[in-house]
C-alpha atoms as a PDB file:
ATOM      1  CA  MET A   1       0.000   0.000   0.000  1.00  0.00           C
ATOM      2  CA  PRO A   2       1.493   3.427  -0.925  1.00  0.00           C
ATOM      3  CA  VAL A   3       2.774   5.523   1.967  1.00  0.00           C
ATOM      4  CA  PRO A   4       0.730   8.754   2.225  1.00  0.00           C
ATOM      5  CA  LEU A   5       2.819  11.838   1.450  1.00  0.00           C
ATOM      6  CA  PRO A   6       2.844  15.094   3.403  1.00  0.00           C
ATOM      7  CA  PRO A   7       1.298  18.156   1.703  1.00  0.00           C
ATOM      8  CA  LEU A   8       3.409  19.407  -1.195  1.00  0.00           C
ATOM      9  CA  ARG A   9       3.445  22.980   0.135  1.00  0.00           C
ATOM     10  CA  ALA A  10       4.961  21.807   3.402  1.00  0.00           C
ATOM     11  CA  LEU A  11       7.610  19.768   1.600  1.00  0.00           C
ATOM     12  CA  GLN A  12       8.360  22.734  -0.667  1.00  0.00           C
ATOM     13  CA  ALA A  13       8.873  25.028   2.317  1.00  0.00           C
ATOM     14  CA  PHE A  14      11.072  22.408   3.997  1.00  0.00           C
ATOM     15  CA  GLU A  15      13.191  21.893   0.868  1.00  0.00           C
ATOM     16  CA  ALA A  16      13.695  25.634   0.377  1.00  0.00           C
ATOM     17  CA  PHE A  17      14.537  26.250   4.051  1.00  0.00           C
ATOM     18  CA  GLY A  18      17.018  23.378   4.163  1.00  0.00           C
ATOM     19  CA  ARG A  19      18.733  24.535   0.969  1.00  0.00           C
ATOM     20  CA  LEU A  20      18.826  28.258   1.812  1.00  0.00           C
ATOM     21  CA  ALA A  21      19.270  27.920   5.612  1.00  0.00           C
ATOM     22  CA  SER A  22      16.970  30.898   6.163  1.00  0.00           C
ATOM     23  CA  VAL A  23      13.226  31.262   6.693  1.00  0.00           C
ATOM     24  CA  GLY A  24      13.347  34.730   5.130  1.00  0.00           C
ATOM     25  CA  ASP A  25      15.218  33.572   2.031  1.00  0.00           C
ATOM     26  CA  ALA A  26      12.884  30.597   1.645  1.00  0.00           C
ATOM     27  CA  ALA A  27       9.878  32.912   1.893  1.00  0.00           C
ATOM     28  CA  ARG A  28      11.274  35.267  -0.757  1.00  0.00           C
ATOM     29  CA  GLU A  29      11.966  32.389  -3.136  1.00  0.00           C
ATOM     30  CA  LEU A  30       8.480  30.935  -2.669  1.00  0.00           C
ATOM     31  CA  GLY A  31       6.729  34.309  -2.778  1.00  0.00           C
ATOM     32  CA  VAL A  32       5.141  33.984   0.680  1.00  0.00           C
ATOM     33  CA  THR A  33       5.682  35.497   4.113  1.00  0.00           C
ATOM     34  CA  PRO A  34       8.229  34.142   6.626  1.00  0.00           C
ATOM     35  CA  GLY A  35       5.286  33.331   8.896  1.00  0.00           C
ATOM     36  CA  ALA A  36       3.783  31.114   6.191  1.00  0.00           C
ATOM     37  CA  VAL A  37       7.072  29.184   5.833  1.00  0.00           C
ATOM     38  CA  SER A  38       7.308  28.706   9.601  1.00  0.00           C
ATOM     39  CA  GLN A  39       3.706  27.498   9.673  1.00  0.00           C
ATOM     40  CA  GLN A  40       4.383  24.937   6.913  1.00  0.00           C
ATOM     41  CA  LEU A  41       7.513  23.689   8.707  1.00  0.00           C
ATOM     42  CA  LYS A  42       5.541  23.232  11.927  1.00  0.00           C
ATOM     43  CA  ALA A  43       2.755  21.437  10.064  1.00  0.00           C
ATOM     44  CA  LEU A  44       5.320  19.098   8.499  1.00  0.00           C
ATOM     45  CA  GLU A  45       6.824  18.319  11.908  1.00  0.00           C
ATOM     46  CA  GLU A  46       3.384  17.423  13.222  1.00  0.00           C
ATOM     47  CA  ARG A  47       2.605  15.280  10.163  1.00  0.00           C
ATOM     48  CA  LEU A  48       5.888  13.368  10.417  1.00  0.00           C
ATOM     49  CA  GLY A  49       6.022  13.226  14.206  1.00  0.00           C
ATOM     50  CA  LEU A  50       9.646  14.341  13.927  1.00  0.00           C
ATOM     51  CA  THR A  51      11.545  17.394  15.112  1.00  0.00           C
ATOM     52  CA  LEU A  52      12.935  19.056  11.996  1.00  0.00           C
ATOM     53  CA  ILE A  53      14.142  22.427  13.250  1.00  0.00           C
ATOM     54  CA  ALA A  54      16.664  23.082  16.011  1.00  0.00           C
ATOM     55  CA  LYS A  55      17.004  26.592  17.476  1.00  0.00           C
ATOM     56  CA  ASP A  56      20.469  27.963  18.232  1.00  0.00           C
ATOM     57  CA  GLY A  57      19.756  31.349  19.706  1.00  0.00           C
ATOM     58  CA  ARG A  58      17.958  33.256  16.967  1.00  0.00           C
ATOM     59  CA  ARG A  59      19.258  30.889  14.297  1.00  0.00           C
ATOM     60  CA  ALA A  60      17.223  27.896  13.127  1.00  0.00           C
ATOM     61  CA  THR A  61      18.902  24.838  11.575  1.00  0.00           C
ATOM     62  CA  LEU A  62      17.883  21.347  10.537  1.00  0.00           C
ATOM     63  CA  THR A  63      18.312  18.512  13.014  1.00  0.00           C
ATOM     64  CA  PRO A  64      20.546  15.576  11.964  1.00  0.00           C
ATOM     65  CA  ALA A  65      17.506  13.445  11.113  1.00  0.00           C
ATOM     66  CA  ALA A  66      16.008  16.336   9.133  1.00  0.00           C
ATOM     67  CA  ARG A  67      19.225  16.783   7.135  1.00  0.00           C
ATOM     68  CA  ALA A  68      19.090  13.141   6.024  1.00  0.00           C
ATOM     69  CA  TYR A  69      15.398  13.542   5.132  1.00  0.00           C
ATOM     70  CA  HIS A  70      16.171  16.778   3.274  1.00  0.00           C
ATOM     71  CA  ARG A  71      18.796  15.098   1.052  1.00  0.00           C
ATOM     72  CA  ILE A  72      16.175  12.642  -0.178  1.00  0.00           C
ATOM     73  CA  VAL A  73      13.445  15.260  -0.595  1.00  0.00           C
ATOM     74  CA  SER A  74      15.862  17.528  -2.485  1.00  0.00           C
ATOM     75  CA  ARG A  75      16.480  14.872  -5.107  1.00  0.00           C
ATOM     76  CA  GLY A  76      12.752  14.764  -5.801  1.00  0.00           C
ATOM     77  CA  PHE A  77      12.533  18.540  -6.199  1.00  0.00           C
ATOM     78  CA  ASP A  78      15.616  18.496  -8.440  1.00  0.00           C
ATOM     79  CA  GLN A  79      13.761  16.135 -10.754  1.00  0.00           C
ATOM     80  CA  LEU A  80      10.694  18.405 -10.721  1.00  0.00           C
ATOM     81  CA  ARG A  81      12.864  21.401 -11.663  1.00  0.00           C
ATOM     82  CA  LEU A  82      14.468  19.336 -14.405  1.00  0.00           C
ATOM     83  CA  ALA A  83      11.039  18.431 -15.775  1.00  0.00           C
ATOM     84  CA  GLN A  84      10.024  22.093 -15.739  1.00  0.00           C
ATOM     85  CA  GLU A  85      13.210  23.129 -17.561  1.00  0.00           C
ATOM     86  CA  TYR A  86      12.497  20.438 -20.122  1.00  0.00           C
ATOM     87  CA  LEU A  87       9.004  21.803 -20.791  1.00  0.00           C
ATOM     88  CA  ILE A  88      10.354  25.339 -21.116  1.00  0.00           C
ATOM     89  CA  ASP A  89      13.030  24.182 -23.545  1.00  0.00           C
ATOM     90  CA  ARG A  90      10.390  22.329 -25.589  1.00  0.00           C
ATOM     91  CA  HIS A  91       8.788  25.658 -26.460  1.00  0.00           C
ATOM     92  CA  SER A  92      11.805  26.327 -28.680  1.00  0.00           C
ATOM     93  CA  ASP A  93      11.851  23.546 -31.252  1.00  0.00           C
ATOM     94  CA  ALA A  94      14.723  25.284 -33.010  1.00  0.00           C
ATOM     95  CA  GLU A  95      17.181  24.765 -30.138  1.00  0.00           C
ATOM     96  CA  LEU A  96      19.267  21.613 -29.792  1.00  0.00           C
ATOM     97  CA  THR A  97      21.107  20.793 -26.571  1.00  0.00           C
ATOM     98  CA  ILE A  98      24.054  18.467 -27.160  1.00  0.00           C
ATOM     99  CA  SER A  99      26.292  17.012 -24.482  1.00  0.00           C
ATOM    100  CA  GLY A 100      29.442  15.224 -25.576  1.00  0.00           C
ATOM    101  CA  LEU A 101      33.004  14.210 -24.846  1.00  0.00           C
ATOM    102  CA  PRO A 102      35.102  17.399 -25.005  1.00  0.00           C
ATOM    103  CA  THR A 103      37.488  16.618 -27.862  1.00  0.00           C
ATOM    104  CA  LEU A 104      34.804  14.867 -29.934  1.00  0.00           C
ATOM    105  CA  MET A 105      32.733  18.041 -29.679  1.00  0.00           C
ATOM    106  CA  LEU A 106      35.639  20.391 -30.374  1.00  0.00           C
ATOM    107  CA  LYS A 107      37.507  18.568 -33.112  1.00  0.00           C
ATOM    108  CA  TRP A 108      34.841  16.514 -34.904  1.00  0.00           C
ATOM    109  CA  LEU A 109      31.350  17.931 -34.365  1.00  0.00           C
ATOM    110  CA  ASN A 110      32.033  21.647 -34.129  1.00  0.00           C
ATOM    111  CA  PRO A 111      33.661  22.023 -37.586  1.00  0.00           C
ATOM    112  CA  LEU A 112      30.622  20.292 -39.131  1.00  0.00           C
ATOM    113  CA  LEU A 113      27.817  22.279 -37.511  1.00  0.00           C
ATOM    114  CA  LEU A 114      27.902  25.123 -40.000  1.00  0.00           C
ATOM    115  CA  ARG A 115      26.909  22.678 -42.740  1.00  0.00           C
ATOM    116  CA  PHE A 116      23.850  21.564 -40.774  1.00  0.00           C
ATOM    117  CA  GLN A 117      22.830  25.129 -39.949  1.00  0.00           C
ATOM    118  CA  GLY A 118      23.203  26.086 -43.607  1.00  0.00           C
ATOM    119  CA  ASN A 119      20.571  23.503 -44.557  1.00  0.00           C
ATOM    120  CA  ALA A 120      18.341  23.614 -41.482  1.00  0.00           C
ATOM    121  CA  GLY A 121      17.921  27.356 -41.154  1.00  0.00           C
ATOM    122  CA  GLU A 122      17.943  29.160 -37.816  1.00  0.00           C
ATOM    123  CA  VAL A 123      18.873  26.415 -35.366  1.00  0.00           C
ATOM    124  CA  ALA A 124      20.468  27.401 -32.062  1.00  0.00           C
ATOM    125  CA  PHE A 125      22.851  24.965 -30.390  1.00  0.00           C
ATOM    126  CA  ARG A 126      23.556  24.635 -26.699  1.00  0.00           C
ATOM    127  CA  LEU A 127      26.787  22.632 -26.481  1.00  0.00           C
ATOM    128  CA  GLU A 128      28.074  21.034 -23.282  1.00  0.00           C
ATOM    129  CA  ALA A 129      31.534  19.437 -23.446  1.00  0.00           C
ATOM    130  CA  THR A 130      32.044  17.106 -20.493  1.00  0.00           C
ATOM    131  CA  HIS A 131      33.296  13.648 -19.595  1.00  0.00           C
ATOM    132  CA  ARG A 132      30.503  13.415 -17.007  1.00  0.00           C
ATOM    133  CA  GLU A 133      27.639  11.357 -18.389  1.00  0.00           C
ATOM    134  CA  PRO A 134      24.275  13.152 -17.874  1.00  0.00           C
ATOM    135  CA  ASP A 135      21.037  11.801 -16.464  1.00  0.00           C
ATOM    136  CA  PRO A 136      20.108   8.746 -18.593  1.00  0.00           C
ATOM    137  CA  ALA A 137      16.536  10.043 -18.942  1.00  0.00           C
ATOM    138  CA  MET A 138      18.027  12.886 -21.023  1.00  0.00           C
ATOM    139  CA  LEU A 139      15.246  15.304 -20.054  1.00  0.00           C
ATOM    140  CA  ASP A 140      17.651  18.246 -20.043  1.00  0.00           C
ATOM    141  CA  ARG A 141      19.680  17.141 -23.067  1.00  0.00           C
ATOM    142  CA  THR A 142      18.664  16.542 -26.670  1.00  0.00           C
ATOM    143  CA  PHE A 143      21.594  14.260 -27.504  1.00  0.00           C
ATOM    144  CA  ARG A 144      24.674  12.812 -25.833  1.00  0.00           C
ATOM    145  CA  LEU A 145      27.752  11.904 -27.890  1.00  0.00           C
ATOM    146  CA  THR A 146      29.851   9.367 -26.024  1.00  0.00           C
ATOM    147  CA  TYR A 147      32.138   6.375 -26.428  1.00  0.00           C
ATOM    148  CA  GLY A 148      31.769   2.644 -26.020  1.00  0.00           C
ATOM    149  CA  ALA A 149      29.905   0.992 -23.163  1.00  0.00           C
ATOM    150  CA  CYS A 150      28.910   4.349 -21.632  1.00  0.00           C
ATOM    151  CA  SER A 151      26.178   4.478 -24.278  1.00  0.00           C
ATOM    152  CA  GLU A 152      24.388   1.504 -22.707  1.00  0.00           C
ATOM    153  CA  ARG A 153      22.873   3.632 -19.932  1.00  0.00           C
ATOM    154  CA  TYR A 154      20.708   5.637 -22.360  1.00  0.00           C
ATOM    155  CA  PRO A 155      17.261   4.647 -23.706  1.00  0.00           C
ATOM    156  CA  HIS A 156      18.204   5.027 -27.391  1.00  0.00           C
ATOM    157  CA  THR A 157      21.579   4.834 -29.137  1.00  0.00           C
ATOM    158  CA  ARG A 158      23.052   4.608 -32.618  1.00  0.00           C
ATOM    159  CA  ALA A 159      26.679   3.927 -33.433  1.00  0.00           C
ATOM    160  CA  LEU A 160      28.339   6.827 -35.243  1.00  0.00           C
ATOM    161  CA  PHE A 161      31.741   5.508 -36.319  1.00  0.00           C
ATOM    162  CA  THR A 162      34.683   3.481 -35.096  1.00  0.00           C
ATOM    163  CA  ASP A 163      37.753   5.681 -35.102  1.00  0.00           C
ATOM    164  CA  THR A 164      41.363   4.857 -35.913  1.00  0.00           C
ATOM    165  CA  CYS A 165      44.575   6.052 -34.232  1.00  0.00           C
ATOM    166  CA  PHE A 166      48.049   6.865 -35.483  1.00  0.00           C
ATOM    167  CA  PRO A 167      51.090   8.821 -34.234  1.00  0.00           C
ATOM    168  CA  VAL A 168      51.359  12.548 -34.991  1.00  0.00           C
ATOM    169  CA  CYS A 169      53.868  15.270 -34.230  1.00  0.00           C
ATOM    170  CA  ALA A 170      54.687  18.834 -35.249  1.00  0.00           C
ATOM    171  CA  PRO A 171      56.520  19.235 -38.593  1.00  0.00           C
ATOM    172  CA  ALA A 172      59.415  20.885 -36.744  1.00  0.00           C
ATOM    173  CA  PHE A 173      59.646  17.895 -34.387  1.00  0.00           C
ATOM    174  CA  LEU A 174      59.907  15.558 -37.393  1.00  0.00           C
ATOM    175  CA  GLU A 175      62.724  17.701 -38.799  1.00  0.00           C
ATOM    176  CA  ARG A 176      64.640  17.202 -35.539  1.00  0.00           C
ATOM    177  CA  HIS A 177      63.839  13.472 -35.485  1.00  0.00           C
ATOM    178  CA  PRO A 178      63.715  12.313 -39.124  1.00  0.00           C
ATOM    179  CA  ASP A 179      63.686   8.631 -38.060  1.00  0.00           C
ATOM    180  CA  ALA A 180      60.472   9.115 -36.057  1.00  0.00           C
ATOM    181  CA  ARG A 181      58.488   7.267 -38.717  1.00  0.00           C
ATOM    182  CA  GLU A 182      60.250   4.033 -37.707  1.00  0.00           C
ATOM    183  CA  PRO A 183      58.412   2.302 -34.822  1.00  0.00           C
ATOM    184  CA  ALA A 184      61.665   1.217 -33.179  1.00  0.00           C
ATOM    185  CA  THR A 185      62.923   4.819 -33.171  1.00  0.00           C
ATOM    186  CA  LEU A 186      59.531   6.195 -32.188  1.00  0.00           C
ATOM    187  CA  ALA A 187      59.607   4.143 -28.983  1.00  0.00           C
ATOM    188  CA  THR A 188      62.688   6.089 -27.861  1.00  0.00           C
ATOM    189  CA  LEU A 189      61.219   9.566 -28.457  1.00  0.00           C
ATOM    190  CA  PRO A 190      59.154  11.768 -26.108  1.00  0.00           C
ATOM    191  CA  LEU A 191      55.659  10.285 -26.136  1.00  0.00           C
ATOM    192  CA  ILE A 192      52.514  12.134 -25.063  1.00  0.00           C
ATOM    193  CA  GLU A 193      49.930   9.813 -23.498  1.00  0.00           C
ATOM    194  CA  ILE A 194      46.146  10.231 -23.330  1.00  0.00           C
ATOM    195  CA  ASP A 195      44.213   8.727 -20.414  1.00  0.00           C
ATOM    196  CA  TRP A 196      40.455   9.287 -20.378  1.00  0.00           C
ATOM    197  CA  GLY A 197      39.998   7.699 -16.962  1.00  0.00           C
ATOM    198  CA  THR A 198      38.370   4.580 -15.587  1.00  0.00           C
ATOM    199  CA  GLU A 199      35.005   5.088 -17.339  1.00  0.00           C
ATOM    200  CA  TYR A 200      36.650   4.492 -20.729  1.00  0.00           C
ATOM    201  CA  PRO A 201      39.015   1.549 -20.136  1.00  0.00           C
ATOM    202  CA  THR A 202      39.195   0.499 -23.802  1.00  0.00           C
ATOM    203  CA  ALA A 203      40.489   3.826 -25.146  1.00  0.00           C
ATOM    204  CA  PRO A 204      43.801   2.962 -26.887  1.00  0.00           C
ATOM    205  CA  ARG A 205      47.124   3.838 -25.309  1.00  0.00           C
ATOM    206  CA  TRP A 206      50.699   3.841 -26.623  1.00  0.00           C
ATOM    207  CA  HIS A 207      51.338   0.272 -25.495  1.00  0.00           C
ATOM    208  CA  ASP A 208      48.454  -0.836 -27.765  1.00  0.00           C
ATOM    209  CA  TRP A 209      50.034   0.931 -30.721  1.00  0.00           C
ATOM    210  CA  PHE A 210      53.463  -0.638 -30.230  1.00  0.00           C
ATOM    211  CA  ALA A 211      51.947  -4.085 -29.650  1.00  0.00           C
ATOM    212  CA  GLN A 212      50.446  -3.902 -33.163  1.00  0.00           C
ATOM    213  CA  GLN A 213      53.730  -2.996 -34.862  1.00  0.00           C
ATOM    214  CA  ALA A 214      55.316  -6.267 -36.026  1.00  0.00           C
ATOM    215  CA  ASP A 215      58.767  -4.742 -36.518  1.00  0.00           C
ATOM    216  CA  THR A 216      58.982  -3.317 -32.995  1.00  0.00           C
ATOM    217  CA  ARG A 217      61.154  -5.430 -30.748  1.00  0.00           C
ATOM    218  CA  PRO A 218      59.884  -5.984 -27.215  1.00  0.00           C
ATOM    219  CA  GLY A 219      61.361  -3.343 -24.944  1.00  0.00           C
ATOM    220  CA  PRO A 220      60.782  -1.623 -21.632  1.00  0.00           C
ATOM    221  CA  PRO A 221      57.276  -0.362 -20.787  1.00  0.00           C
ATOM    222  CA  VAL A 222      56.285   2.909 -22.453  1.00  0.00           C
ATOM    223  CA  ARG A 223      57.028   5.833 -20.142  1.00  0.00           C
ATOM    224  CA  PRO A 224      55.400   8.971 -21.563  1.00  0.00           C
ATOM    225  CA  ILE A 225      56.767  12.435 -20.864  1.00  0.00           C
ATOM    226  CA  ALA A 226      53.224  13.690 -20.145  1.00  0.00           C
ATOM    227  CA  VAL A 227      49.734  12.266 -19.636  1.00  0.00           C
ATOM    228  CA  HIS A 228      46.644  14.288 -20.614  1.00  0.00           C
ATOM    229  CA  SER A 229      43.024  13.551 -19.725  1.00  0.00           C
ATOM    230  CA  LEU A 230      41.844  15.477 -22.808  1.00  0.00           C
ATOM    231  CA  SER A 231      42.878  14.397 -26.286  1.00  0.00           C
ATOM    232  CA  SER A 232      42.731  18.024 -27.426  1.00  0.00           C
ATOM    233  CA  LEU A 233      45.395  18.985 -24.856  1.00  0.00           C
ATOM    234  CA  ALA A 234      47.619  16.144 -26.007  1.00  0.00           C
ATOM    235  CA  LEU A 235      47.258  17.239 -29.637  1.00  0.00           C
ATOM    236  CA  GLU A 236      48.106  20.832 -28.706  1.00  0.00           C
ATOM    237  CA  ALA A 237      51.201  19.608 -26.867  1.00  0.00           C
ATOM    238  CA  ALA A 238      52.232  17.666 -29.970  1.00  0.00           C
ATOM    239  CA  ALA A 239      51.589  20.689 -32.218  1.00  0.00           C
ATOM    240  CA  ALA A 240      53.821  22.731 -29.903  1.00  0.00           C
ATOM    241  CA  GLY A 241      56.674  20.301 -30.544  1.00  0.00           C
ATOM    242  CA  GLN A 242      56.701  18.634 -27.130  1.00  0.00           C
ATOM    243  CA  GLY A 243      56.586  15.086 -28.497  1.00  0.00           C
ATOM    244  CA  VAL A 244      54.483  12.527 -30.352  1.00  0.00           C
ATOM    245  CA  ALA A 245      50.801  11.926 -29.578  1.00  0.00           C
ATOM    246  CA  LEU A 246      48.633   8.944 -30.485  1.00  0.00           C
ATOM    247  CA  ALA A 247      45.896  10.823 -32.332  1.00  0.00           C
ATOM    248  CA  GLN A 248      42.447   9.764 -33.429  1.00  0.00           C
ATOM    249  CA  ALA A 249      41.588  10.501 -37.041  1.00  0.00           C
ATOM    250  CA  SER A 250      38.398  12.333 -36.066  1.00  0.00           C
ATOM    251  CA  PHE A 251      40.401  14.654 -33.799  1.00  0.00           C
ATOM    252  CA  ALA A 252      43.541  15.256 -35.855  1.00  0.00           C
ATOM    253  CA  THR A 253      42.305  15.552 -39.454  1.00  0.00           C
ATOM    254  CA  THR A 254      41.818  19.335 -39.419  1.00  0.00           C
ATOM    255  CA  ASP A 255      45.210  19.987 -37.786  1.00  0.00           C
ATOM    256  CA  ILE A 256      46.904  17.724 -40.341  1.00  0.00           C
ATOM    257  CA  GLU A 257      45.190  19.563 -43.200  1.00  0.00           C
ATOM    258  CA  LEU A 258      46.322  22.889 -41.715  1.00  0.00           C
ATOM    259  CA  GLY A 259      49.909  21.673 -41.407  1.00  0.00           C
ATOM    260  CA  ARG A 260      49.991  21.919 -37.615  1.00  0.00           C
ATOM    261  CA  LEU A 261      50.485  18.155 -37.259  1.00  0.00           C
ATOM    262  CA  THR A 262      52.156  15.497 -39.381  1.00  0.00           C
ATOM    263  CA  ARG A 263      51.057  11.866 -39.515  1.00  0.00           C
ATOM    264  CA  LEU A 264      54.031   9.577 -38.891  1.00  0.00           C
ATOM    265  CA  SER A 265      52.649   6.221 -40.040  1.00  0.00           C
ATOM    266  CA  ALA A 266      50.281   4.926 -42.697  1.00  0.00           C
ATOM    267  CA  SER A 267      49.381   2.134 -40.278  1.00  0.00           C
ATOM    268  CA  SER A 268      46.284   2.695 -38.135  1.00  0.00           C
ATOM    269  CA  LEU A 269      45.163   1.200 -34.859  1.00  0.00           C
ATOM    270  CA  ARG A 270      41.406   0.629 -34.902  1.00  0.00           C
ATOM    271  CA  MET A 271      39.642   1.615 -31.695  1.00  0.00           C
ATOM    272  CA  PRO A 272      37.890  -1.314 -29.996  1.00  0.00           C
ATOM    273  CA  GLU A 273      34.530   0.457 -29.629  1.00  0.00           C
ATOM    274  CA  PRO A 274      32.593   3.049 -31.642  1.00  0.00           C
ATOM    275  CA  TYR A 275      31.360   6.491 -30.717  1.00  0.00           C
ATOM    276  CA  PHE A 276      27.620   6.713 -30.159  1.00  0.00           C
ATOM    277  CA  ALA A 277      24.808   9.238 -30.430  1.00  0.00           C
ATOM    278  CA  CYS A 278      22.369   8.763 -27.534  1.00  0.00           C
ATOM    279  CA  TRP A 279      18.975  10.320 -26.810  1.00  0.00           C
ATOM    280  CA  GLY A 280      15.954  10.060 -24.532  1.00  0.00           C
ATOM    281  CA  GLY A 281      12.436   8.854 -25.084  1.00  0.00           C
ATOM    282  CA  LEU A 282      10.987  12.253 -26.031  1.00  0.00           C
ATOM    283  CA  THR A 283      13.855  13.698 -28.088  1.00  0.00           C
ATOM    284  CA  LEU A 284      12.649  12.668 -31.526  1.00  0.00           C
ATOM    285  CA  GLU A 285       9.244  14.274 -31.050  1.00  0.00           C
ATOM    286  CA  SER A 286      11.024  17.384 -32.330  1.00  0.00           C
ATOM    287  CA  ASP A 287      11.318  17.733 -36.113  1.00  0.00           C
ATOM    288  CA  THR A 288      14.581  19.619 -35.635  1.00  0.00           C
ATOM    289  CA  ALA A 289      16.034  16.834 -33.482  1.00  0.00           C
ATOM    290  CA  ARG A 290      15.044  14.161 -36.031  1.00  0.00           C
ATOM    291  CA  GLY A 291      16.639  16.173 -38.812  1.00  0.00           C
ATOM    292  CA  PHE A 292      19.803  16.655 -36.783  1.00  0.00           C
ATOM    293  CA  LEU A 293      20.101  12.941 -36.009  1.00  0.00           C
ATOM    294  CA  ASP A 294      19.690  12.000 -39.689  1.00  0.00           C
ATOM    295  CA  TRP A 295      22.351  14.555 -40.636  1.00  0.00           C
ATOM    296  CA  LEU A 296      24.702  13.418 -37.855  1.00  0.00           C
ATOM    297  CA  LEU A 297      24.489   9.768 -38.911  1.00  0.00           C
ATOM    298  CA  SER A 298      25.105  10.770 -42.535  1.00  0.00           C
ATOM    299  CA  GLU A 299      28.226  12.741 -41.577  1.00  0.00           C
ATOM    300  CA  ALA A 300      29.444   9.801 -39.494  1.00  0.00           C
ATOM    301  CA  ARG A 301      29.078   7.444 -42.471  1.00  0.00           C
ATOM    302  CA  VAL A 302      31.069   9.840 -44.670  1.00  0.00           C
ATOM    303  CA  PHE A 303      33.811  10.072 -42.071  1.00  0.00           C
ATOM    304  CA  GLU A 304      34.024   6.284 -41.660  1.00  0.00           C
ATOM    305  CA  ARG A 305      34.225   5.719 -45.435  1.00  0.00           C
ATOM    306  CA  MET A 306      37.112   8.177 -45.666  1.00  0.00           C
ATOM    307  CA  ASN A 307      38.993   6.912 -42.622  1.00  0.00           C
ATOM    308  CA  GLY A 308      37.937   3.294 -42.180  1.00  0.00           C
END
């Protein structure tokens, strides 16, 4: 049998007071008087049979039991605010909110967006570059672009492309180390490592590259001169002449075309998992979102044909 809930107004006053630590601030946020907030807090105490407010002189604070209760109640109100933000955002069908891995957004998606906007008209993008995976319900995001198994937490996914990796360096670095194209020599040069963290354990590292090279004799473990959590930072370090980075084709293509980076090997290491586009249950109710997904998948197919 469902447990009966206290009145919503009382819970709302309690959530606001616990978050703002002030009856006056809670009243201003809720648009009521401080007396009304105090009355709701007292009514909630009576309903729960629990002391929620402790007085310290003129200052009122939550009791330990109330703080634990407040943490749970707050999560519920956070979801209500998220739902409200979602409804507000839905009023603008021409806005797309996209969350994605930072370098994928910067180096692959961002250069392509102008093409989509040229065909789709006035579409506004809200772009969020983060390694942190958002709420799987995706109420506050239109799409999430992520890698590998992280996509499994979302209601809907489509594979975009499986990337390939190869070593790159600055042209000036290659002039100083003309034998860098040889795997055996490359192993002795300053190597820039990329480590995405524990959520992405299959992202390739330098030891994977050297393990694939048949003409590389077994040697000591790879000891990079620097380790970056962002691929874009590693590529910038390579472009600055600091060493050789193991670049993904989707991230390095523009810099290679601009002459900022030089590819050192025709051999490619295929990544073990693809990148994915993910979305929630309501995303494709928007015509703009459906059009964007079709365009995104088309661009991904073009990229994979050119770099597969």
